[in-house]
Amino acid sequence: ILRPVFMMENFISLIHSIKETSILTQDYESNHLLDLVCADDIGAFTAQIACDPFFFFKTFDIFSDNLSMQSITNILSIKLNQNINYVQSLPSSFPSLDLNLLNANLLIP
């Protein structure tokens, strides 16, 4: 069983918006460490283990980098040759939900 983490290619769909606004926005705090993997790395790893019975019925968490959101933003700034800022899309003070109230409203016993 292969369990890849956040794929680096997920940022590709954001490139146009990032270039236009000079902002990367995600739900994480800027110092949050995100495990990342490239799709090519998943393919290479799979090719190495796919035919070896030693690896059958085992679970692998696959990641190649562990970067903060600020580090990702810095890399994007360099690669895009543009100053990019990171903005957390949800404030850290987001109110917690009252699950009892939520369950009552959803009619969950």
N, C-alpha and C. Protein backbone atom coordinates (compact mmCIF):
# COMPACT_ATOMS: atom_id res chain seq x y z
N ILE A 1 0.86 -1.18 0.00
CA ILE A 1 0.00 0.00 0.00
C ILE A 1 0.90 1.23 0.00
N LEU A 2 0.71 2.08 -0.96
CA LEU A 2 1.48 3.32 -1.05
C LEU A 2 0.59 4.48 -0.62
N ARG A 3 1.09 5.29 0.30
CA ARG A 3 0.33 6.44 0.79
C ARG A 3 1.16 7.70 0.56
N PRO A 4 1.04 8.28 -0.63
CA PRO A 4 1.77 9.52 -0.86
C PRO A 4 1.14 10.67 -0.08
N VAL A 5 1.94 11.66 0.21
CA VAL A 5 1.47 12.84 0.94
C VAL A 5 1.11 13.93 -0.06
N PHE A 6 1.13 15.17 0.36
CA PHE A 6 0.78 16.31 -0.50
C PHE A 6 1.70 16.32 -1.72
N MET A 7 1.12 16.30 -2.88
CA MET A 7 1.92 16.25 -4.11
C MET A 7 2.34 17.64 -4.54
N MET A 8 3.61 17.77 -4.88
CA MET A 8 4.15 19.06 -5.31
C MET A 8 3.37 19.61 -6.50
N GLU A 9 2.89 18.72 -7.35
CA GLU A 9 2.15 19.15 -8.54
C GLU A 9 0.84 19.86 -8.19
N ASN A 10 0.38 19.75 -6.95
CA ASN A 10 -0.83 20.46 -6.54
C ASN A 10 -0.66 21.97 -6.68
N PHE A 11 0.57 22.44 -6.62
CA PHE A 11 0.81 23.88 -6.73
C PHE A 11 0.69 24.38 -8.18
N ILE A 12 0.77 23.47 -9.15
CA ILE A 12 0.72 23.89 -10.55
C ILE A 12 -0.57 24.62 -10.86
N SER A 13 -1.69 24.13 -10.34
CA SER A 13 -2.98 24.78 -10.62
C SER A 13 -3.07 26.17 -10.00
N LEU A 14 -2.18 26.48 -9.06
CA LEU A 14 -2.20 27.78 -8.39
C LEU A 14 -1.25 28.81 -9.02
N ILE A 15 -0.40 28.36 -9.93
CA ILE A 15 0.66 29.23 -10.45
C ILE A 15 0.12 30.51 -11.06
N HIS A 16 -0.93 30.42 -11.88
CA HIS A 16 -1.48 31.62 -12.51
C HIS A 16 -1.93 32.64 -11.45
N SER A 17 -2.65 32.17 -10.45
CA SER A 17 -3.13 33.04 -9.38
C SER A 17 -1.96 33.62 -8.58
N ILE A 18 -0.96 32.79 -8.29
CA ILE A 18 0.20 33.25 -7.53
C ILE A 18 0.94 34.33 -8.31
N LYS A 19 1.15 34.12 -9.60
CA LYS A 19 1.84 35.12 -10.43
C LYS A 19 1.05 36.43 -10.48
N GLU A 20 -0.27 36.31 -10.60
CA GLU A 20 -1.13 37.48 -10.74
C GLU A 20 -1.21 38.30 -9.45
N THR A 21 -1.28 37.61 -8.29
CA THR A 21 -1.48 38.30 -7.02
C THR A 21 -0.22 38.45 -6.18
N SER A 22 0.82 37.69 -6.54
CA SER A 22 2.06 37.61 -5.74
C SER A 22 1.80 37.06 -4.34
N ILE A 23 0.76 36.22 -4.23
CA ILE A 23 0.39 35.65 -2.94
C ILE A 23 0.13 34.15 -3.10
N LEU A 24 0.68 33.37 -2.17
CA LEU A 24 0.34 31.96 -2.02
C LEU A 24 -0.56 31.87 -0.79
N THR A 25 -1.72 31.29 -0.95
CA THR A 25 -2.68 31.17 0.15
C THR A 25 -2.99 29.70 0.40
N GLN A 26 -2.85 29.29 1.65
CA GLN A 26 -3.22 27.95 2.08
C GLN A 26 -3.81 28.07 3.48
N ASP A 27 -4.38 26.98 3.98
CA ASP A 27 -5.01 26.99 5.31
C ASP A 27 -4.02 26.87 6.45
N TYR A 28 -2.76 26.60 6.15
CA TYR A 28 -1.76 26.34 7.19
C TYR A 28 -1.08 27.61 7.67
N GLU A 29 -0.57 27.56 8.90
CA GLU A 29 0.27 28.66 9.39
C GLU A 29 1.58 28.65 8.62
N SER A 30 2.25 29.77 8.54
CA SER A 30 3.46 29.89 7.71
C SER A 30 4.57 28.95 8.16
N ASN A 31 4.61 28.59 9.43
CA ASN A 31 5.66 27.69 9.92
C ASN A 31 5.24 26.21 9.91
N HIS A 32 4.04 25.93 9.42
CA HIS A 32 3.55 24.54 9.34
C HIS A 32 4.42 23.75 8.36
N LEU A 33 4.89 22.59 8.81
CA LEU A 33 5.71 21.73 7.95
C LEU A 33 4.79 20.81 7.14
N LEU A 34 4.99 20.84 5.84
CA LEU A 34 4.18 20.05 4.93
C LEU A 34 5.05 18.99 4.28
N ASP A 35 4.64 17.72 4.39
CA ASP A 35 5.35 16.64 3.71
C ASP A 35 4.94 16.69 2.24
N LEU A 36 5.94 16.66 1.37
CA LEU A 36 5.70 16.80 -0.07
C LEU A 36 6.34 15.64 -0.83
N VAL A 37 5.75 15.32 -1.96
CA VAL A 37 6.34 14.32 -2.85
C VAL A 37 6.00 14.70 -4.29
N CYS A 38 6.90 14.35 -5.19
CA CYS A 38 6.70 14.59 -6.62
C CYS A 38 6.12 13.31 -7.23
N ALA A 39 5.21 13.45 -8.17
CA ALA A 39 4.60 12.30 -8.81
C ALA A 39 5.65 11.38 -9.43
N ASP A 40 6.70 11.95 -10.00
CA ASP A 40 7.77 11.13 -10.58
C ASP A 40 8.45 10.26 -9.52
N ASP A 41 8.58 10.80 -8.30
CA ASP A 41 9.20 10.02 -7.22
C ASP A 41 8.32 8.84 -6.83
N ILE A 42 7.02 9.03 -6.85
CA ILE A 42 6.10 7.93 -6.54
C ILE A 42 6.25 6.84 -7.59
N GLY A 43 6.32 7.24 -8.84
CA GLY A 43 6.49 6.27 -9.92
C GLY A 43 7.80 5.51 -9.81
N ALA A 44 8.88 6.22 -9.50
CA ALA A 44 10.19 5.58 -9.38
C ALA A 44 10.21 4.60 -8.21
N PHE A 45 9.62 5.01 -7.09
CA PHE A 45 9.57 4.13 -5.92
C PHE A 45 8.74 2.89 -6.23
N THR A 46 7.60 3.09 -6.86
CA THR A 46 6.72 1.97 -7.20
C THR A 46 7.42 1.00 -8.14
N ALA A 47 8.13 1.53 -9.12
CA ALA A 47 8.85 0.67 -10.06
C ALA A 47 9.90 -0.17 -9.35
N GLN A 48 10.52 0.38 -8.32
CA GLN A 48 11.56 -0.35 -7.59
C GLN A 48 11.00 -1.50 -6.74
N ILE A 49 9.79 -1.34 -6.23
CA ILE A 49 9.28 -2.36 -5.29
C ILE A 49 8.16 -3.23 -5.85
N ALA A 50 7.60 -2.88 -6.98
CA ALA A 50 6.39 -3.53 -7.48
C ALA A 50 6.52 -5.04 -7.67
N CYS A 51 7.67 -5.51 -8.06
CA CYS A 51 7.84 -6.94 -8.37
C CYS A 51 8.61 -7.70 -7.30
N ASP A 52 8.87 -7.08 -6.20
CA ASP A 52 9.64 -7.73 -5.14
C ASP A 52 8.69 -8.19 -4.02
N PRO A 53 8.50 -9.50 -3.86
CA PRO A 53 7.56 -10.01 -2.86
C PRO A 53 7.86 -9.54 -1.43
N PHE A 54 9.10 -9.16 -1.17
CA PHE A 54 9.44 -8.66 0.16
C PHE A 54 8.56 -7.45 0.54
N PHE A 55 8.16 -6.66 -0.46
CA PHE A 55 7.40 -5.42 -0.21
C PHE A 55 5.89 -5.63 -0.28
N PHE A 56 5.44 -6.81 -0.67
CA PHE A 56 4.01 -7.07 -0.79
C PHE A 56 3.34 -6.98 0.59
N PHE A 57 2.15 -6.46 0.63
CA PHE A 57 1.31 -6.35 1.82
C PHE A 57 1.94 -5.48 2.91
N LYS A 58 2.76 -4.55 2.50
CA LYS A 58 3.35 -3.58 3.43
C LYS A 58 2.85 -2.19 3.06
N THR A 59 2.90 -1.30 4.03
CA THR A 59 2.43 0.06 3.83
C THR A 59 3.62 1.03 3.86
N PHE A 60 3.61 1.96 2.92
CA PHE A 60 4.69 2.94 2.83
C PHE A 60 4.10 4.35 2.74
N ASP A 61 4.50 5.21 3.66
CA ASP A 61 4.20 6.63 3.55
C ASP A 61 5.32 7.23 2.71
N ILE A 62 4.96 7.84 1.60
CA ILE A 62 5.97 8.32 0.66
C ILE A 62 6.04 9.84 0.71
N PHE A 63 7.22 10.37 1.06
CA PHE A 63 7.46 11.80 0.92
C PHE A 63 8.94 12.02 0.71
N SER A 64 9.26 13.13 0.06
CA SER A 64 10.67 13.40 -0.23
C SER A 64 11.15 14.70 0.40
N ASP A 65 10.22 15.59 0.72
CA ASP A 65 10.59 16.87 1.32
C ASP A 65 9.64 17.19 2.46
N ASN A 66 10.13 17.95 3.42
CA ASN A 66 9.34 18.41 4.55
C ASN A 66 9.66 19.90 4.70
N LEU A 67 8.77 20.74 4.18
CA LEU A 67 9.05 22.18 4.11
C LEU A 67 7.94 22.98 4.77
N SER A 68 8.31 24.12 5.34
CA SER A 68 7.31 25.04 5.88
C SER A 68 6.64 25.77 4.72
N MET A 69 5.47 26.29 4.99
CA MET A 69 4.77 27.06 3.96
C MET A 69 5.61 28.27 3.54
N GLN A 70 6.32 28.87 4.51
CA GLN A 70 7.17 30.01 4.17
C GLN A 70 8.32 29.57 3.26
N SER A 71 8.90 28.39 3.52
CA SER A 71 9.96 27.87 2.65
C SER A 71 9.45 27.61 1.24
N ILE A 72 8.25 27.05 1.14
CA ILE A 72 7.63 26.81 -0.17
C ILE A 72 7.44 28.14 -0.89
N THR A 73 6.99 29.14 -0.15
CA THR A 73 6.80 30.47 -0.74
C THR A 73 8.12 31.04 -1.22
N ASN A 74 9.18 30.87 -0.44
CA ASN A 74 10.50 31.36 -0.85
C ASN A 74 10.97 30.67 -2.12
N ILE A 75 10.76 29.37 -2.22
CA ILE A 75 11.15 28.63 -3.43
C ILE A 75 10.36 29.12 -4.63
N LEU A 76 9.05 29.33 -4.44
CA LEU A 76 8.24 29.85 -5.54
C LEU A 76 8.72 31.24 -5.97
N SER A 77 9.12 32.06 -5.01
CA SER A 77 9.63 33.40 -5.34
C SER A 77 10.86 33.30 -6.24
N ILE A 78 11.75 32.38 -5.90
CA ILE A 78 12.97 32.20 -6.70
C ILE A 78 12.63 31.66 -8.08
N LYS A 79 11.82 30.62 -8.13
CA LYS A 79 11.49 29.97 -9.40
C LYS A 79 10.68 30.86 -10.33
N LEU A 80 9.81 31.70 -9.75
CA LEU A 80 8.98 32.59 -10.56
C LEU A 80 9.64 33.95 -10.79
N ASN A 81 10.81 34.15 -10.15
CA ASN A 81 11.53 35.42 -10.26
C ASN A 81 10.60 36.59 -9.90
N GLN A 82 9.91 36.41 -8.77
CA GLN A 82 8.91 37.38 -8.33
C GLN A 82 8.78 37.26 -6.82
N ASN A 83 8.62 38.37 -6.12
CA ASN A 83 8.45 38.32 -4.68
C ASN A 83 7.03 37.82 -4.36
N ILE A 84 6.96 36.65 -3.75
CA ILE A 84 5.68 36.04 -3.39
C ILE A 84 5.53 36.11 -1.88
N ASN A 85 4.34 36.45 -1.43
CA ASN A 85 4.04 36.49 0.00
C ASN A 85 3.11 35.34 0.36
N TYR A 86 3.26 34.84 1.58
CA TYR A 86 2.38 33.78 2.06
C TYR A 86 1.30 34.38 2.94
N VAL A 87 0.05 33.95 2.73
CA VAL A 87 -1.08 34.40 3.54
C VAL A 87 -1.88 33.18 3.94
N GLN A 88 -2.06 33.01 5.24
CA GLN A 88 -2.90 31.92 5.73
C GLN A 88 -4.34 32.26 5.45
N SER A 89 -5.08 31.34 4.83
CA SER A 89 -6.45 31.66 4.43
C SER A 89 -7.44 31.56 5.58
N LEU A 90 -7.13 30.78 6.60
CA LEU A 90 -8.00 30.73 7.77
C LEU A 90 -7.23 31.28 8.96
N PRO A 91 -7.79 32.22 9.70
CA PRO A 91 -7.07 32.75 10.85
C PRO A 91 -6.88 31.69 11.92
N SER A 92 -5.76 31.76 12.63
CA SER A 92 -5.48 30.77 13.69
C SER A 92 -6.49 30.88 14.82
N SER A 93 -7.19 31.99 14.91
CA SER A 93 -8.19 32.16 15.97
C SER A 93 -9.59 31.74 15.49
N PHE A 94 -9.66 30.94 14.43
CA PHE A 94 -10.95 30.46 13.93
C PHE A 94 -11.70 29.80 15.07
N PRO A 95 -12.93 30.20 15.32
CA PRO A 95 -13.66 29.67 16.48
C PRO A 95 -13.87 28.16 16.37
N SER A 96 -13.70 27.50 17.50
CA SER A 96 -13.94 26.05 17.50
C SER A 96 -15.44 25.80 17.47
N LEU A 97 -15.81 24.65 16.92
CA LEU A 97 -17.22 24.31 16.80
C LEU A 97 -17.71 23.62 18.07
N ASP A 98 -18.92 23.92 18.45
CA ASP A 98 -19.58 23.20 19.53
C ASP A 98 -20.19 21.95 18.89
N LEU A 99 -19.51 20.80 19.05
CA LEU A 99 -19.95 19.58 18.37
C LEU A 99 -21.31 19.11 18.85
N ASN A 100 -21.65 19.37 20.11
CA ASN A 100 -22.99 18.99 20.60
C ASN A 100 -24.07 19.77 19.86
N LEU A 101 -23.83 21.04 19.69
CA LEU A 101 -24.78 21.88 18.97
C LEU A 101 -24.83 21.44 17.50
N LEU A 102 -23.69 21.19 16.92
CA LEU A 102 -23.62 20.75 15.53
C LEU A 102 -24.37 19.43 15.34
N ASN A 103 -24.13 18.46 16.23
CA ASN A 103 -24.81 17.17 16.14
C ASN A 103 -26.32 17.32 16.30
N ALA A 104 -26.74 18.19 17.22
CA ALA A 104 -28.17 18.40 17.43
C ALA A 104 -28.81 18.99 16.19
N ASN A 105 -28.12 19.92 15.55
CA ASN A 105 -28.66 20.54 14.35
C ASN A 105 -28.69 19.59 13.17
N LEU A 106 -27.79 18.60 13.16
CA LEU A 106 -27.77 17.63 12.06
C LEU A 106 -28.58 16.37 12.38
N LEU A 107 -29.21 16.38 13.56
CA LEU A 107 -30.03 15.25 14.01
C LEU A 107 -29.22 13.96 14.12
N ILE A 108 -28.00 14.09 14.58
CA ILE A 108 -27.16 12.92 14.80
C ILE A 108 -27.35 12.47 16.24
N PRO A 109 -27.72 11.19 16.43
CA PRO A 109 -27.98 10.72 17.81
C PRO A 109 -26.71 10.66 18.64
